[in-house]
Protein backbone atom coordinates (compact mmCIF):
# COMPACT_ATOMS: atom_id res chain seq x y z
CA MET A 1 35.50 5.61 -14.99
CA SER A 2 34.48 3.53 -11.93
CA SER A 3 33.52 -0.11 -12.20
CA THR A 4 31.41 -2.36 -10.01
CA ASP A 5 30.33 -5.98 -9.94
CA PHE A 6 27.45 -7.35 -11.95
CA GLY A 7 27.57 -10.95 -10.83
CA PHE A 8 31.11 -12.10 -11.58
CA GLN A 9 31.60 -9.41 -14.25
CA GLN A 10 33.03 -5.94 -13.74
CA VAL A 11 30.94 -3.28 -15.47
CA ASP A 12 30.79 0.50 -15.59
CA GLU A 13 28.95 1.75 -12.49
CA ARG A 14 26.58 3.70 -14.73
CA ASP A 15 25.63 0.50 -16.55
CA LYS A 16 24.81 -1.71 -13.56
CA ALA A 17 21.35 -0.28 -12.90
CA ARG A 18 20.38 -0.82 -16.53
CA ARG A 19 21.58 -4.42 -16.45
CA VAL A 20 19.80 -5.18 -13.16
CA ARG A 21 16.64 -3.60 -14.57
CA GLY A 22 16.90 -5.91 -17.57
CA VAL A 23 17.14 -8.95 -15.28
CA PHE A 24 13.98 -8.07 -13.39
CA ASP A 25 12.09 -6.93 -16.47
CA SER A 26 12.75 -10.42 -17.82
CA VAL A 27 11.59 -12.37 -14.77
CA ALA A 28 8.79 -10.17 -13.34
CA SER A 29 5.88 -12.21 -14.70
CA ARG A 30 7.24 -15.46 -13.23
CA TYR A 31 8.99 -14.02 -10.20
CA ASP A 32 6.68 -15.40 -7.51
CA LEU A 33 6.49 -18.86 -9.07
CA MET A 34 10.27 -19.00 -9.38
CA ASN A 35 10.66 -17.92 -5.74
CA ASP A 36 8.48 -20.84 -4.67
CA LEU A 37 10.35 -23.32 -6.86
CA MET A 38 13.93 -22.25 -6.25
CA SER A 39 13.49 -21.90 -2.47
CA MET A 40 11.13 -24.90 -2.20
CA GLY A 41 8.69 -22.54 -0.52
CA LEU A 42 11.13 -21.45 2.17
CA HIS A 43 10.98 -17.80 1.14
CA ARG A 44 7.57 -17.67 2.80
CA ALA A 45 9.04 -18.79 6.12
CA TRP A 46 11.92 -16.30 5.79
CA LYS A 47 9.46 -13.46 5.21
CA ALA A 48 7.23 -14.63 8.07
CA PHE A 49 10.26 -14.52 10.39
CA THR A 50 11.03 -11.00 9.16
CA LEU A 51 7.50 -9.88 9.97
CA GLN A 52 7.71 -11.41 13.42
CA ALA A 53 11.04 -9.67 14.06
CA SER A 54 9.74 -6.30 12.86
CA HIS A 55 7.65 -5.56 15.99
CA VAL A 56 5.49 -3.32 13.79
CA ARG A 57 2.47 -1.91 15.60
CA PRO A 58 -0.80 -0.30 14.53
CA GLY A 59 -0.18 3.27 13.43
CA ASP A 60 3.45 2.74 12.38
CA ARG A 61 4.86 4.10 9.13
CA VAL A 62 6.79 1.52 7.09
CA LEU A 63 8.93 1.94 3.97
CA ASP A 64 9.34 -1.24 1.93
CA ILE A 65 12.33 -0.87 -0.43
CA ALA A 66 12.81 -3.23 -3.38
CA GLY A 67 9.25 -4.30 -2.58
CA GLY A 68 8.76 -5.99 -5.93
CA THR A 69 5.61 -8.06 -6.09
CA GLY A 70 4.47 -6.87 -2.67
CA ASP A 71 4.68 -9.84 -0.26
CA LEU A 72 6.18 -7.87 2.62
CA ALA A 73 4.21 -4.69 1.89
CA ARG A 74 0.91 -6.59 2.05
CA ALA A 75 1.80 -8.21 5.35
CA PHE A 76 3.05 -4.96 6.90
CA ALA A 77 -0.19 -3.24 5.82
CA LYS A 78 -2.14 -5.73 7.92
CA GLN A 79 0.11 -5.04 10.92
CA VAL A 80 -0.04 -1.24 10.80
CA GLY A 81 -3.80 -1.18 10.22
CA PRO A 82 -5.84 1.79 8.95
CA SER A 83 -4.06 4.25 11.25
CA GLY A 84 -0.62 3.41 9.81
CA GLN A 85 0.91 3.52 6.37
CA VAL A 86 3.11 1.31 4.20
CA VAL A 87 4.92 2.82 1.21
CA HIS A 88 5.68 0.21 -1.45
CA THR A 89 8.75 1.08 -3.57
CA ASP A 90 11.08 -0.46 -6.11
CA ILE A 91 13.58 0.89 -8.63
CA ASN A 92 12.18 -1.47 -11.26
CA GLU A 93 8.89 -0.22 -12.73
CA THR A 94 7.92 -3.59 -14.20
CA MET A 95 8.29 -5.39 -10.87
CA LEU A 96 6.51 -2.59 -9.03
CA ARG A 97 3.61 -2.55 -11.47
CA THR A 98 3.27 -6.33 -11.14
CA GLY A 99 3.18 -5.99 -7.36
CA ARG A 100 0.78 -3.05 -7.35
CA ASP A 101 -1.66 -4.85 -9.65
CA ARG A 102 -1.56 -7.96 -7.49
CA LEU A 103 -2.16 -5.95 -4.32
CA VAL A 104 -5.06 -4.05 -5.89
CA ASP A 105 -6.61 -7.35 -7.02
CA GLU A 106 -6.52 -8.41 -3.36
CA GLY A 107 -8.11 -5.15 -2.21
CA VAL A 108 -4.89 -3.65 -0.82
CA VAL A 109 -4.18 -0.11 -2.04
CA LEU A 110 -0.83 1.35 -0.94
CA PRO A 111 1.23 4.38 -1.94
CA THR A 112 3.47 2.95 -4.69
CA LEU A 113 6.58 4.72 -5.93
CA VAL A 114 9.44 4.01 -8.31
CA CYS A 115 12.55 5.20 -6.50
CA ASP A 116 16.26 4.56 -6.09
CA ALA A 117 17.27 3.42 -2.60
CA GLU A 118 20.51 5.39 -2.94
CA HIS A 119 18.49 8.65 -3.27
CA LEU A 120 15.27 8.23 -1.28
CA PRO A 121 12.70 11.01 -1.88
CA PHE A 122 11.52 11.22 1.74
CA ARG A 123 12.17 13.63 4.60
CA ASP A 124 14.50 12.78 7.47
CA GLY A 125 12.86 10.71 10.19
CA SER A 126 9.76 9.83 8.15
CA PHE A 127 9.45 6.13 9.06
CA ASP A 128 9.36 3.80 12.05
CA LEU A 129 10.61 0.83 10.02
CA VAL A 130 12.44 0.35 6.73
CA SER A 131 12.59 -3.09 5.14
CA VAL A 132 14.53 -4.31 2.13
CA GLY A 133 13.92 -7.90 1.04
CA PHE A 134 16.34 -9.48 -1.43
CA GLY A 135 17.28 -6.14 -2.96
CA LEU A 136 20.40 -4.81 -1.25
CA ARG A 137 22.78 -7.04 -3.21
CA ASN A 138 21.61 -5.46 -6.47
CA MET A 139 22.44 -1.91 -5.35
CA THR A 140 25.59 -0.33 -6.75
CA HIS A 141 26.52 1.76 -3.70
CA LYS A 142 25.32 -0.33 -0.77
CA GLU A 143 26.74 1.92 1.94
CA GLN A 144 25.09 4.98 0.42
CA ALA A 145 21.78 3.10 0.34
CA LEU A 146 22.17 2.07 3.99
CA ALA A 147 22.93 5.67 4.98
CA GLU A 148 19.78 6.80 3.15
CA MET A 149 17.73 4.17 4.97
CA ALA A 150 19.10 5.47 8.26
CA ARG A 151 18.32 9.06 7.28
CA VAL A 152 14.62 8.43 6.63
CA LEU A 153 14.16 6.51 9.91
CA ARG A 154 13.21 8.25 13.12
CA PRO A 155 15.71 7.92 16.01
CA GLY A 156 15.24 4.43 17.42
CA GLY A 157 13.61 3.27 14.20
CA ARG A 158 14.55 -0.12 12.75
CA LEU A 159 15.98 -1.39 9.49
CA LEU A 160 15.43 -5.00 8.43
CA VAL A 161 17.58 -6.39 5.62
CA LEU A 162 16.52 -9.85 4.44
CA GLU A 163 19.07 -11.11 1.95
CA PHE A 164 20.86 -14.16 0.64
CA SER A 165 24.10 -14.59 2.55
CA ARG A 166 27.03 -16.94 3.19
CA VAL A 167 26.03 -20.55 3.84
CA ALA A 168 27.58 -22.73 6.54
CA LYS A 169 30.73 -24.45 5.25
CA PRO A 170 29.32 -28.02 5.28
CA LEU A 171 26.63 -26.87 2.84
CA THR A 172 28.92 -25.05 0.41
CA ARG A 173 29.51 -27.79 -2.15
CA ALA A 174 25.85 -28.80 -2.42
CA TYR A 175 24.73 -25.17 -2.49
CA ASP A 176 27.19 -24.31 -5.27
CA PHE A 177 26.01 -27.26 -7.34
CA TYR A 178 22.39 -26.21 -6.93
CA SER A 179 23.16 -22.54 -7.64
CA PHE A 180 25.23 -22.96 -10.77
CA GLN A 181 23.86 -26.18 -12.27
CA ILE A 182 20.21 -26.52 -11.21
CA LEU A 183 19.04 -22.92 -10.80
CA PRO A 184 19.86 -21.68 -14.35
CA ARG A 185 18.18 -24.75 -15.84
CA LEU A 186 15.12 -24.12 -13.69
CA GLY A 187 15.10 -20.50 -14.85
CA ARG A 188 15.24 -21.56 -18.48
CA LEU A 189 12.42 -24.08 -18.10
CA VAL A 190 10.03 -21.95 -16.05
CA ALA A 191 10.89 -18.34 -16.90
CA GLY A 192 12.58 -18.87 -20.26
CA ASP A 193 15.68 -17.15 -18.90
CA ALA A 194 18.77 -19.01 -17.67
CA ASP A 195 21.06 -15.95 -17.67
CA SER A 196 19.05 -13.96 -15.11
CA TYR A 197 19.16 -16.84 -12.64
CA ARG A 198 22.86 -17.36 -13.28
CA TYR A 199 23.27 -13.69 -12.38
CA LEU A 200 21.26 -14.33 -9.20
CA ALA A 201 23.69 -17.05 -8.11
CA GLU A 202 26.71 -14.88 -8.92
CA SER A 203 25.31 -11.79 -7.19
CA ILE A 204 24.83 -13.78 -3.99
CA ARG A 205 28.52 -14.76 -4.02
CA MET A 206 29.55 -11.11 -4.46
CA HIS A 207 27.31 -9.82 -1.65
CA PRO A 208 28.98 -9.03 1.70
CA ASP A 209 28.88 -11.85 4.24
CA GLN A 210 27.01 -11.58 7.53
CA GLU A 211 29.73 -9.91 9.59
CA THR A 212 30.75 -7.54 6.80
CA LEU A 213 27.19 -6.35 6.29
CA LYS A 214 26.78 -5.90 10.04
CA GLY A 215 29.86 -3.66 10.02
CA MET A 216 28.54 -1.67 7.05
CA MET A 217 25.28 -1.01 8.86
CA LYS A 218 27.04 0.11 12.03
CA LYS A 219 29.22 2.44 9.97
CA ASN A 220 26.20 4.04 8.29
CA GLY A 221 23.89 5.14 11.06
CA PHE A 222 22.90 2.05 13.06
CA GLY A 223 24.09 1.85 16.64
CA HIS A 224 23.01 -1.72 17.31
CA VAL A 225 22.90 -4.47 14.69
CA ASP A 226 22.05 -8.17 15.06
CA TYR A 227 21.65 -10.84 12.42
CA HIS A 228 19.90 -14.17 12.30
CA ASN A 229 21.02 -16.95 9.97
CA LEU A 230 18.12 -18.78 8.34
CA SER A 231 18.33 -22.17 6.60
CA GLY A 232 22.00 -22.61 7.42
CA GLY A 233 22.97 -19.14 6.27
CA VAL A 234 21.37 -19.39 2.84
CA VAL A 235 19.57 -16.23 3.99
CA ALA A 236 20.29 -13.83 6.83
CA LEU A 237 18.05 -11.22 8.45
CA HIS A 238 20.00 -8.19 9.67
CA ALA A 239 18.18 -5.90 12.12
CA GLY A 240 19.61 -2.47 12.91
CA ILE A 241 18.43 0.28 15.26
CA LYS A 242 19.08 3.86 14.21
CA CYS A 243 21.32 5.80 16.57
């Protein structure tokens, strides 16, 4: 029996997806509000930088993995225009439904699909860009997921991974205090769920740092990889070009 991390716990690999699903089922209705509160609105700037770095053009095909409530999918849809396509996906049906309903309310109708990033149901070379925003750290087999993202990209296509990362050392003590003392309390007050936000803090600590993730991407189909630290390394945007 193989085990993997779920925050600071070790759990059966087969159980991790269920536990992660439970976390996001719990927070889906308050997810966007909590993002604004816990990042003090910075998540909007991080996503805006990701869009700017995407170089998406009209007519492009984009796959948004772990698309959740649809922030990136909506913005990419504007960039690709009517001649392009954005496919909005997530492994969590509750999050995806919340995002789809919000997009429809805003007049944005996109192909929406529940799927596992480790087993993408798309043909080789189907997309010009794949994005995954704040979802990679929750995947059990990250390298398998990265290899799948490379597979569905056309040669020269780009992967963007926006994810919490390793903060600069001078910020570590303050960031740890915020993560483990403030964030769970905020989760309890706003979302009625301290445990899910404690998991969030733990999962960030277990996620590969910037250089390690860069190496994983290069090992799994990306010939050139750069990363950009945002907000002192609280978040990093990794950009890879398929070989």
